[in-house]
Amino acid sequence: MKATAGGMLGGLVGNLGPLVVFYAFDWTLGLKPAIVACAVFSIGEVAWRFWRKEPLTFLFKLTASTTIGLGLLDIWLASPRFFSWEATITNAAFGGWFFWLMVKGPGPLTEQLLALQPQLKETWGPTGEARLNGMMRVLLAMTVVFHAITAVAYAFIAWRYTVEDAVGIRVIFGNVSLIPFLLAVFFWVQPLHRLASRRGWLPEAERLPLRPEQG
């Protein structure tokens, strides 16, 4: 079953270019270079697909519009008044975006994932797409929690430390926090999906079928 989680993550990473670029740059160079890199990557990807006459996927449109929007927000937050709270506001914005997507329903994300990884649907048979919706909703929930935690942590850092100290601490925290999140996603998506199914936290169609002793 770990292969299913790995395939799901692989399919998403392959089609979430702007978001992958954001996390890669945020992890190594910091928040501002990450947002600038996202905007540059998104513009380049649009131009490349337009030249090749390839359609833009739903996931790309969603991630590109979000990261470019956050780039504009970052420019607005560049003033000294907001600099200390820049990381807090940006992470809260990402969390809000993922929360909206989780509540609205991950159907379009699942459809794009299945187009990239059709074998995932075969893993669970005819109800595979509905169950993948459930796993995707759990993944989005985990991402919301991650950004909520980082937003609170960045707020504490901004409140507790000077701007000079906060910059260095934020870089270290951003690098360290991403590792347990990625490990949690890889190992816990399916267990949490089973838990959410048992508790009835997911729409009925998105739950795993429970054995009699699990009812």
Protein backbone atom coordinates (compact mmCIF):
# COMPACT_ATOMS: atom_id res chain seq x y z
CA MET A 1 0.00 0.00 0.00
CA LYS A 2 2.98 2.31 0.46
CA ALA A 3 3.37 2.12 -3.31
CA THR A 4 -0.04 3.77 -3.67
CA ALA A 5 1.02 6.72 -1.51
CA GLY A 6 4.30 6.96 -3.40
CA GLY A 7 2.52 6.88 -6.76
CA MET A 8 0.06 9.52 -5.63
CA LEU A 9 2.84 11.81 -4.43
CA GLY A 10 4.84 11.19 -7.58
CA GLY A 11 1.90 12.10 -9.78
CA LEU A 12 1.23 15.28 -7.84
CA VAL A 13 4.86 16.39 -7.81
CA GLY A 14 5.01 15.86 -11.56
CA ASN A 15 2.15 18.31 -12.11
CA LEU A 16 2.58 20.83 -9.30
CA GLY A 17 5.59 22.61 -10.75
CA PRO A 18 5.08 26.06 -9.18
CA LEU A 19 4.46 24.59 -5.73
CA VAL A 20 7.48 22.27 -6.00
CA VAL A 21 9.64 25.23 -7.03
CA PHE A 22 8.28 27.23 -4.09
CA TYR A 23 9.17 24.62 -1.48
CA ALA A 24 12.56 23.90 -3.05
CA PHE A 25 13.59 27.57 -2.98
CA ASP A 26 11.97 28.23 0.39
CA TRP A 27 13.91 25.31 1.82
CA THR A 28 17.27 26.50 0.46
CA LEU A 29 17.13 30.27 -0.06
CA GLY A 30 14.13 31.58 1.87
CA LEU A 31 10.63 32.88 1.33
CA LYS A 32 11.18 35.84 -1.00
CA PRO A 33 13.39 33.96 -3.52
CA ALA A 34 10.84 31.13 -3.42
CA ILE A 35 7.96 33.36 -4.46
CA VAL A 36 10.01 35.10 -7.15
CA ALA A 37 11.15 31.72 -8.51
CA CYS A 38 7.52 30.52 -8.58
CA ALA A 39 6.41 33.52 -10.58
CA VAL A 40 9.29 33.16 -13.07
CA PHE A 41 8.70 29.40 -13.41
CA SER A 42 4.95 29.87 -13.94
CA ILE A 43 5.44 32.49 -16.67
CA GLY A 44 8.04 30.29 -18.37
CA GLU A 45 5.79 27.23 -18.18
CA VAL A 46 2.84 29.11 -19.68
CA ALA A 47 5.03 30.35 -22.54
CA TRP A 48 6.43 26.83 -23.12
CA ARG A 49 3.00 25.19 -23.21
CA PHE A 50 1.64 27.95 -25.44
CA TRP A 51 4.52 27.45 -27.89
CA ARG A 52 3.94 23.68 -27.92
CA LYS A 53 0.16 24.21 -28.14
CA GLU A 54 -0.40 22.10 -25.02
CA PRO A 55 -3.32 22.83 -22.68
CA LEU A 56 -2.68 24.07 -19.17
CA THR A 57 -3.85 21.58 -16.56
CA PHE A 58 -6.20 22.50 -13.73
CA LEU A 59 -3.47 21.89 -11.16
CA PHE A 60 -1.01 24.13 -12.95
CA LYS A 61 -3.54 26.96 -13.27
CA LEU A 62 -4.38 26.65 -9.59
CA THR A 63 -0.82 26.56 -8.27
CA ALA A 64 0.48 29.18 -10.70
CA SER A 65 -2.29 31.68 -9.93
CA THR A 66 -1.78 31.15 -6.21
CA THR A 67 1.98 31.57 -6.20
CA ILE A 68 1.88 34.62 -8.46
CA GLY A 69 -0.82 36.09 -6.24
CA LEU A 70 1.38 35.49 -3.23
CA GLY A 71 4.22 37.17 -5.11
CA LEU A 72 2.11 40.32 -5.35
CA LEU A 73 1.27 39.97 -1.67
CA ASP A 74 4.97 39.62 -0.92
CA ILE A 75 5.72 42.90 -2.69
CA TRP A 76 3.07 44.59 -0.57
CA LEU A 77 4.53 43.08 2.59
CA ALA A 78 8.06 44.21 1.72
CA SER A 79 7.68 47.41 3.73
CA PRO A 80 9.45 47.47 7.12
CA ARG A 81 6.06 47.59 8.84
CA PHE A 82 5.18 44.07 7.65
CA PHE A 83 8.59 42.47 7.15
CA SER A 84 8.65 40.64 10.48
CA TRP A 85 5.21 39.15 9.81
CA GLU A 86 5.78 38.31 6.15
CA ALA A 87 6.29 34.56 6.67
CA THR A 88 3.30 34.36 9.02
CA ILE A 89 0.92 35.99 6.57
CA THR A 90 2.21 34.01 3.59
CA ASN A 91 1.91 30.65 5.36
CA ALA A 92 -1.56 31.57 6.58
CA ALA A 93 -2.53 32.43 2.99
CA PHE A 94 -1.26 29.05 1.76
CA GLY A 95 -3.16 27.32 4.57
CA GLY A 96 -6.34 29.17 3.68
CA TRP A 97 -5.99 28.21 0.03
CA PHE A 98 -5.55 24.51 0.85
CA PHE A 99 -8.45 24.66 3.33
CA TRP A 100 -10.74 26.10 0.66
CA LEU A 101 -9.66 23.38 -1.74
CA MET A 102 -10.24 20.69 0.90
CA VAL A 103 -13.76 21.92 1.71
CA LYS A 104 -14.72 22.56 -1.92
CA GLY A 105 -13.71 19.02 -2.83
CA PRO A 106 -10.57 17.55 -4.41
CA GLY A 107 -12.36 16.10 -7.45
CA PRO A 108 -10.40 18.09 -10.09
CA LEU A 109 -7.13 17.21 -8.35
CA THR A 110 -8.04 13.52 -8.37
CA GLU A 111 -9.04 13.58 -12.03
CA GLN A 112 -5.70 15.12 -12.97
CA LEU A 113 -3.84 12.62 -10.79
CA LEU A 114 -5.63 9.68 -12.41
CA ALA A 115 -4.76 11.04 -15.84
CA LEU A 116 -1.10 10.95 -14.80
CA GLN A 117 -1.23 7.71 -12.78
CA PRO A 118 -4.12 5.59 -14.18
CA GLN A 119 -2.86 2.50 -12.35
CA LEU A 120 -3.91 4.08 -9.05
CA LYS A 121 -7.59 3.58 -9.95
CA GLU A 122 -6.97 -0.10 -10.66
CA THR A 123 -5.53 -0.55 -7.16
CA TRP A 124 -9.00 -0.16 -5.61
CA GLY A 125 -11.22 -1.20 -8.50
CA PRO A 126 -14.41 0.64 -9.60
CA THR A 127 -14.55 2.77 -6.45
CA GLY A 128 -10.90 3.81 -6.77
CA GLU A 129 -11.60 7.38 -7.86
CA ALA A 130 -13.92 8.05 -4.92
CA ARG A 131 -11.39 6.64 -2.46
CA LEU A 132 -8.60 8.66 -4.02
CA ASN A 133 -10.80 11.71 -3.42
CA GLY A 134 -10.80 10.74 0.25
CA MET A 135 -7.03 10.33 0.35
CA MET A 136 -6.60 13.65 -1.43
CA ARG A 137 -8.88 15.35 1.11
CA VAL A 138 -6.78 13.88 3.93
CA LEU A 139 -3.59 15.07 2.22
CA LEU A 140 -5.04 18.57 1.92
CA ALA A 141 -6.03 18.49 5.59
CA MET A 142 -2.47 17.54 6.56
CA THR A 143 -1.16 20.43 4.47
CA VAL A 144 -3.57 22.84 6.15
CA VAL A 145 -2.35 21.70 9.59
CA PHE A 146 1.28 22.08 8.49
CA HIS A 147 0.76 25.66 7.33
CA ALA A 148 -1.27 26.52 10.42
CA ILE A 149 1.58 25.29 12.64
CA THR A 150 4.22 27.14 10.64
CA ALA A 151 2.15 30.34 10.61
CA VAL A 152 1.85 30.22 14.42
CA ALA A 153 5.55 29.43 14.78
CA TYR A 154 6.54 32.33 12.51
CA ALA A 155 4.23 34.62 14.47
CA PHE A 156 5.95 33.62 17.71
CA ILE A 157 9.37 34.19 16.14
CA ALA A 158 8.30 37.64 14.90
CA TRP A 159 6.94 38.55 18.33
CA ARG A 160 9.81 37.14 20.38
CA TYR A 161 12.93 38.09 18.40
CA THR A 162 14.40 41.12 16.67
CA VAL A 163 14.16 41.33 12.89
CA GLU A 164 17.84 40.42 12.50
CA ASP A 165 17.57 37.31 14.69
CA ALA A 166 14.17 36.33 13.29
CA VAL A 167 15.46 36.12 9.72
CA GLY A 168 18.06 33.48 10.61
CA ILE A 169 15.69 31.53 12.85
CA ARG A 170 13.01 31.48 10.15
CA VAL A 171 15.42 30.00 7.61
CA ILE A 172 16.43 27.22 10.01
CA PHE A 173 12.85 26.51 11.06
CA GLY A 174 11.63 26.46 7.46
CA ASN A 175 14.27 23.92 6.49
CA VAL A 176 13.76 21.67 9.51
CA SER A 177 9.95 21.71 9.56
CA LEU A 178 9.55 20.53 5.98
CA ILE A 179 11.30 17.19 6.58
CA PRO A 180 8.85 15.77 9.18
CA PHE A 181 5.93 17.05 7.11
CA LEU A 182 7.06 15.14 4.02
CA LEU A 183 7.70 12.02 6.09
CA ALA A 184 4.26 12.35 7.70
CA VAL A 185 2.61 12.64 4.28
CA PHE A 186 4.38 9.53 2.96
CA PHE A 187 3.70 7.33 5.99
CA TRP A 188 0.42 8.67 7.40
CA VAL A 189 -1.87 9.54 4.47
CA GLN A 190 -3.34 6.04 4.26
CA PRO A 191 -3.59 5.38 8.04
CA LEU A 192 -5.30 8.75 8.49
CA HIS A 193 -7.62 7.95 5.60
CA ARG A 194 -8.62 4.72 7.35
CA LEU A 195 -9.16 6.61 10.59
CA ALA A 196 -11.27 9.28 8.87
CA SER A 197 -13.31 6.50 7.23
CA ARG A 198 -13.99 4.79 10.56
CA ARG A 199 -14.93 8.06 12.25
CA GLY A 200 -17.21 9.19 9.44
CA TRP A 201 -15.24 12.38 8.84
CA LEU A 202 -15.32 11.93 5.06
CA PRO A 203 -18.26 11.95 2.66
CA GLU A 204 -19.59 8.40 2.45
CA ALA A 205 -18.40 7.82 -1.13
CA GLU A 206 -14.82 8.70 -0.15
CA ARG A 207 -14.53 6.25 2.74
CA LEU A 208 -12.80 2.90 2.63
CA PRO A 209 -15.17 -0.07 2.98
CA LEU A 210 -14.99 -1.26 6.59
CA ARG A 211 -14.83 -4.85 7.71
CA PRO A 212 -17.66 -5.91 10.08
CA GLU A 213 -15.45 -5.65 13.16
CA GLN A 214 -14.57 -2.06 12.19
CA GLY A 215 -18.13 -0.81 11.96
